[in-house]
Amino acid sequence: MQRLNNKTCVVTGAARGIGRAIAARFHAEGGLVIVTDIDHAAGAAAAADIGCRFELLDVRKEADWSRLAGIVPVADVVVNNAGVTGFEAGMVAHDPEHASLADWHAVHRVNLDGTFLGCRYAIGAMKAAGTGSIINISSRSGLVGIPAAAAYASSKAAIRNHSKTVALYCAQQGWRIRCNSIHPAAILTSIWEPMLGTGPDRDARMQALVADTPLKRFGLPDEVAAIAVTLASDEATYITGTELNIDGGLLAGSAASPG
């Protein structure tokens, strides 16, 4: 039995990385998947490769969400995955002292406004049936401070809290609409490329970035997708307002070396 058989599943930012992995796993589990992304070419290519449907969506724009609601008025699962770090065009100042207000707003518009609009769409698409699963992709950075990425950390922390608010609101209405957040740490996707570079020191940079992770490696997008499948499925109908960390043990503390 496929775990998401005939469930309509909307995944944002699904052209690549974690979003694409989630869309692919949902499709493999029998879900009727709608891949959405701001990148038409990459999103359409990903959907064609997976074997599902593509819809253009800029998560920052209320009009785009309204259009999606007209096209996909009913959904069983919504994954608010679309996000940016602020470093997509290269390394710029994102610390609390030097970050520009424009750069701060740009990150929050995608990460936080996009998640707010996505949750609002999801509630509208689920409340008639009174059931559904909203999954918001936060980050390990939403649980701890990140001095060099203040806007990213702030936006992901807000996603964590908003997920709980949505969960409580839906329960208050008597709906069986669940909302949970997933908090990945270092997952090997293209979002890391500006920090890894392509030079001869790439491997050393990779190792340095996971040096404090007890499992000593990057996570993989499919490992996040596996958790998303569980939260989307009917196996998780008593899980709401919860956060799940996928971090190789990073937030557990330090790993003692064997003697």
Protein backbone atom coordinates (compact mmCIF):
# COMPACT_ATOMS: atom_id res chain seq x y z
CA MET A 1 0.00 0.00 0.00
CA GLN A 2 1.41 3.37 -1.03
CA ARG A 3 1.42 5.73 1.93
CA LEU A 4 0.12 8.80 0.05
CA ASN A 5 -2.22 7.06 -2.37
CA ASN A 6 -4.36 9.64 -4.22
CA LYS A 7 -3.45 12.48 -1.85
CA THR A 8 -3.08 15.83 -3.62
CA CYS A 9 0.30 17.21 -2.58
CA VAL A 10 1.62 20.72 -3.29
CA VAL A 11 5.36 21.27 -2.83
CA THR A 12 6.93 24.73 -3.18
CA GLY A 13 10.47 25.33 -4.33
CA ALA A 14 10.46 21.85 -5.82
CA ALA A 15 12.65 22.43 -8.86
CA ARG A 16 15.73 21.22 -7.03
CA GLY A 17 17.21 20.16 -3.72
CA ILE A 18 15.02 19.18 -0.78
CA GLY A 19 11.81 20.23 -2.52
CA ARG A 20 12.49 18.06 -5.53
CA ALA A 21 13.40 15.09 -3.32
CA ILE A 22 10.15 15.49 -1.39
CA ALA A 23 8.12 15.74 -4.60
CA ALA A 24 9.77 12.60 -5.98
CA ARG A 25 9.17 10.61 -2.78
CA PHE A 26 5.56 11.78 -2.60
CA HIS A 27 5.01 10.68 -6.20
CA ALA A 28 6.61 7.30 -5.50
CA GLU A 29 4.23 6.88 -2.56
CA GLY A 30 1.18 7.42 -4.79
CA GLY A 31 0.68 11.13 -4.23
CA LEU A 32 -0.85 13.37 -6.89
CA VAL A 33 2.00 15.87 -6.80
CA ILE A 34 2.04 19.48 -7.96
CA VAL A 35 5.59 20.77 -8.25
CA THR A 36 5.73 24.56 -7.87
CA ASP A 37 8.66 26.91 -8.31
CA ILE A 38 9.57 30.43 -9.42
CA ASP A 39 11.98 28.92 -11.99
CA HIS A 40 9.69 27.81 -14.83
CA ALA A 41 12.31 25.92 -16.84
CA ALA A 42 13.81 24.01 -13.90
CA GLY A 43 10.43 23.38 -12.28
CA ALA A 44 8.85 22.07 -15.46
CA ALA A 45 11.89 19.86 -16.09
CA ALA A 46 11.76 18.45 -12.56
CA ALA A 47 8.04 17.73 -12.85
CA ALA A 48 8.52 16.01 -16.20
CA ASP A 49 11.35 13.92 -14.79
CA ILE A 50 9.32 12.90 -11.74
CA GLY A 51 6.15 12.34 -13.78
CA CYS A 52 3.92 14.92 -12.12
CA ARG A 53 2.41 18.35 -12.72
CA PHE A 54 4.09 21.78 -12.62
CA GLU A 55 2.64 25.15 -11.70
CA LEU A 56 4.58 28.41 -11.69
CA LEU A 57 4.53 30.01 -8.24
CA ASP A 58 6.37 32.94 -6.69
CA VAL A 59 5.69 32.31 -3.00
CA ARG A 60 6.18 36.01 -2.21
CA LYS A 61 3.17 37.05 -4.28
CA GLU A 62 -0.34 36.84 -2.90
CA ALA A 63 -1.73 36.91 -6.44
CA ASP A 64 0.23 33.78 -7.32
CA TRP A 65 -1.24 31.93 -4.34
CA SER A 66 -4.72 33.09 -5.32
CA ARG A 67 -4.14 31.77 -8.81
CA LEU A 68 -2.94 28.43 -7.42
CA ALA A 69 -6.04 28.24 -5.22
CA GLY A 70 -8.15 28.54 -8.36
CA ILE A 71 -6.18 25.81 -10.12
CA VAL A 72 -5.75 23.49 -7.10
CA PRO A 73 -8.64 24.37 -4.77
CA VAL A 74 -8.34 21.21 -2.67
CA ALA A 75 -5.13 19.76 -1.24
CA ASP A 76 -4.32 17.05 1.27
CA VAL A 77 -0.66 17.93 1.81
CA VAL A 78 1.16 21.26 1.43
CA VAL A 79 4.92 21.50 1.88
CA ASN A 80 6.23 25.05 2.28
CA ASN A 81 9.81 24.41 1.23
CA ALA A 82 10.78 27.40 -0.95
CA GLY A 83 13.55 29.35 0.73
CA VAL A 84 16.69 31.41 0.23
CA THR A 85 19.78 32.09 2.34
CA GLY A 86 20.55 35.52 0.91
CA PHE A 87 23.85 34.27 -0.49
CA GLU A 88 22.49 33.05 -3.83
CA ALA A 89 24.28 35.80 -5.78
CA GLY A 90 27.49 35.48 -3.78
CA MET A 91 28.79 36.26 -0.32
CA VAL A 92 27.37 39.51 1.06
CA ALA A 93 27.11 40.90 4.58
CA HIS A 94 24.27 39.27 6.50
CA ASP A 95 25.52 39.83 10.02
CA PRO A 96 23.46 41.96 12.45
CA GLU A 97 25.77 44.96 12.09
CA HIS A 98 26.28 45.18 8.33
CA ALA A 99 23.26 43.53 6.68
CA SER A 100 21.19 45.98 4.64
CA LEU A 101 17.50 46.36 5.31
CA ALA A 102 16.80 45.46 1.68
CA ASP A 103 18.71 42.18 2.00
CA TRP A 104 16.95 41.44 5.31
CA HIS A 105 13.55 42.00 3.70
CA ALA A 106 14.45 39.93 0.62
CA VAL A 107 15.15 36.83 2.73
CA HIS A 108 12.06 37.27 4.89
CA ARG A 109 9.78 37.82 1.90
CA VAL A 110 10.62 34.38 0.53
CA ASN A 111 11.11 32.38 3.70
CA LEU A 112 8.58 33.87 6.08
CA ASP A 113 6.00 35.63 3.90
CA GLY A 114 6.04 32.64 1.55
CA THR A 115 5.39 30.25 4.41
CA PHE A 116 2.62 32.45 5.84
CA LEU A 117 0.87 32.60 2.46
CA GLY A 118 1.43 28.88 1.95
CA CYS A 119 -0.15 28.02 5.30
CA ARG A 120 -3.08 30.31 4.56
CA TYR A 121 -3.57 28.63 1.18
CA ALA A 122 -3.31 25.19 2.80
CA ILE A 123 -5.97 25.95 5.40
CA GLY A 124 -8.32 27.13 2.65
CA ALA A 125 -7.60 24.03 0.58
CA MET A 126 -8.11 21.62 3.50
CA LYS A 127 -10.84 23.00 5.74
CA ALA A 128 -13.78 21.72 3.70
CA ALA A 129 -12.60 18.15 4.31
CA GLY A 130 -11.38 19.13 7.76
CA THR A 131 -8.17 17.16 7.41
CA GLY A 132 -4.70 17.53 5.94
CA SER A 133 -1.00 17.93 6.63
CA ILE A 134 0.99 21.16 6.38
CA ILE A 135 4.76 20.69 6.49
CA ASN A 136 7.00 23.75 6.83
CA ILE A 137 10.70 23.45 6.13
CA SER A 138 12.55 25.44 8.77
CA SER A 139 16.21 24.83 9.62
CA ARG A 140 18.64 24.04 12.38
CA SER A 141 19.40 27.75 11.98
CA GLY A 142 15.91 28.48 13.28
CA LEU A 143 16.87 26.95 16.63
CA VAL A 144 20.23 28.63 17.23
CA GLY A 145 21.80 31.98 16.40
CA ILE A 146 23.80 32.32 13.16
CA PRO A 147 25.99 35.45 13.32
CA ALA A 148 26.81 35.53 9.60
CA ALA A 149 23.23 34.83 8.44
CA ALA A 150 20.97 36.88 10.68
CA ALA A 151 18.04 37.19 8.27
CA TYR A 152 18.05 33.49 7.40
CA ALA A 153 18.16 32.45 11.07
CA SER A 154 15.44 34.92 11.99
CA SER A 155 13.14 33.80 9.19
CA LYS A 156 13.58 30.13 9.98
CA ALA A 157 12.93 30.73 13.69
CA ALA A 158 9.71 32.51 12.76
CA ILE A 159 8.67 29.55 10.59
CA ARG A 160 9.15 27.27 13.60
CA ASN A 161 6.86 29.38 15.75
CA HIS A 162 4.27 30.04 13.05
CA SER A 163 3.96 26.30 12.47
CA LYS A 164 2.91 25.86 16.09
CA THR A 165 0.43 28.73 15.80
CA VAL A 166 -1.12 27.18 12.69
CA ALA A 167 -1.31 23.78 14.41
CA LEU A 168 -3.10 25.26 17.42
CA TYR A 169 -5.44 27.36 15.31
CA CYS A 170 -6.53 24.38 13.22
CA ALA A 171 -7.09 22.26 16.31
CA GLN A 172 -9.09 25.11 17.84
CA GLN A 173 -11.41 25.06 14.83
CA GLY A 174 -12.03 21.36 15.30
CA TRP A 175 -10.20 20.42 12.11
CA ARG A 176 -7.83 17.48 11.79
CA ILE A 177 -5.41 19.69 9.86
CA ARG A 178 -1.92 19.16 11.21
CA CYS A 179 1.06 21.51 10.91
CA ASN A 180 4.64 20.54 11.70
CA SER A 181 8.10 21.89 10.94
CA ILE A 182 11.20 20.06 9.79
CA HIS A 183 14.60 21.45 10.79
CA PRO A 184 17.41 20.20 8.56
CA ALA A 185 21.00 21.11 9.30
CA ALA A 186 23.67 20.71 6.61
CA ILE A 187 21.85 19.01 3.73
CA LEU A 188 23.93 18.75 0.55
CA THR A 189 22.01 20.86 -1.99
CA SER A 190 22.87 23.67 -4.38
CA ILE A 191 22.12 26.21 -1.64
CA TRP A 192 25.58 25.42 -0.23
CA GLU A 193 27.45 25.99 -3.50
CA PRO A 194 28.38 29.66 -2.88
CA MET A 195 30.03 28.60 0.39
CA LEU A 196 31.70 25.46 -0.99
CA GLY A 197 33.07 26.91 -4.21
CA THR A 198 34.66 24.86 -6.99
CA GLY A 199 38.36 25.21 -6.10
CA PRO A 200 40.81 22.59 -4.89
CA ASP A 201 39.85 23.31 -1.28
CA ARG A 202 36.20 22.27 -1.83
CA ASP A 203 36.55 18.95 0.04
CA ALA A 204 38.30 20.68 2.92
CA ARG A 205 35.51 23.26 3.08
CA MET A 206 32.90 20.49 3.13
CA GLN A 207 34.67 18.72 5.97
CA ALA A 208 35.03 21.96 7.92
CA LEU A 209 31.32 22.71 7.61
CA VAL A 210 30.37 19.39 9.20
CA ALA A 211 33.29 19.13 11.63
CA ASP A 212 30.99 19.80 14.60
CA THR A 213 28.36 17.32 13.43
CA PRO A 214 28.61 14.04 15.36
CA LEU A 215 27.95 11.97 12.22
CA LYS A 216 30.67 13.95 10.35
CA ARG A 217 28.83 14.30 7.06
CA PHE A 218 26.24 16.29 5.16
CA GLY A 219 22.71 14.97 5.15
CA LEU A 220 21.00 14.07 1.88
CA PRO A 221 17.77 15.55 0.47
CA ASP A 222 16.16 12.10 0.40
CA GLU A 223 16.71 11.78 4.15
CA VAL A 224 14.57 14.89 4.65
CA ALA A 225 12.02 13.59 2.14
CA ALA A 226 11.63 10.38 4.15
CA ILE A 227 10.53 12.38 7.20
CA ALA A 228 8.19 14.49 5.07
CA VAL A 229 6.47 11.34 3.78
CA THR A 230 5.80 10.18 7.32
CA LEU A 231 4.35 13.56 8.35
CA ALA A 232 2.21 13.67 5.21
CA SER A 233 0.85 10.16 5.71
CA ASP A 234 -1.99 8.84 7.84
CA GLU A 235 0.63 7.29 10.10
CA ALA A 236 1.19 10.70 11.68
CA THR A 237 -2.36 11.80 12.45
CA TYR A 238 -1.54 12.50 16.12
CA ILE A 239 1.53 14.61 15.33
CA THR A 240 0.92 18.36 15.14
CA GLY A 241 2.76 21.44 16.36
CA THR A 242 5.94 19.38 16.47
CA GLU A 243 9.43 20.10 15.16
CA LEU A 244 11.69 17.36 13.83
CA ASN A 245 15.44 17.90 13.66
CA ILE A 246 17.48 16.24 10.92
CA ASP A 247 20.98 17.28 11.89
CA GLY A 248 23.30 14.30 12.30
CA GLY A 249 23.15 14.75 16.07
CA LEU A 250 24.37 18.36 16.00
CA LEU A 251 21.83 19.75 18.47
CA ALA A 252 22.31 16.82 20.84
CA GLY A 253 25.62 18.30 21.96
CA SER A 254 29.23 17.32 21.42
CA ALA A 255 30.24 13.76 20.60
CA ALA A 256 33.04 12.46 22.79
CA SER A 257 35.87 10.78 20.91
CA PRO A 258 36.50 7.15 21.87
CA GLY A 259 39.54 6.62 24.09
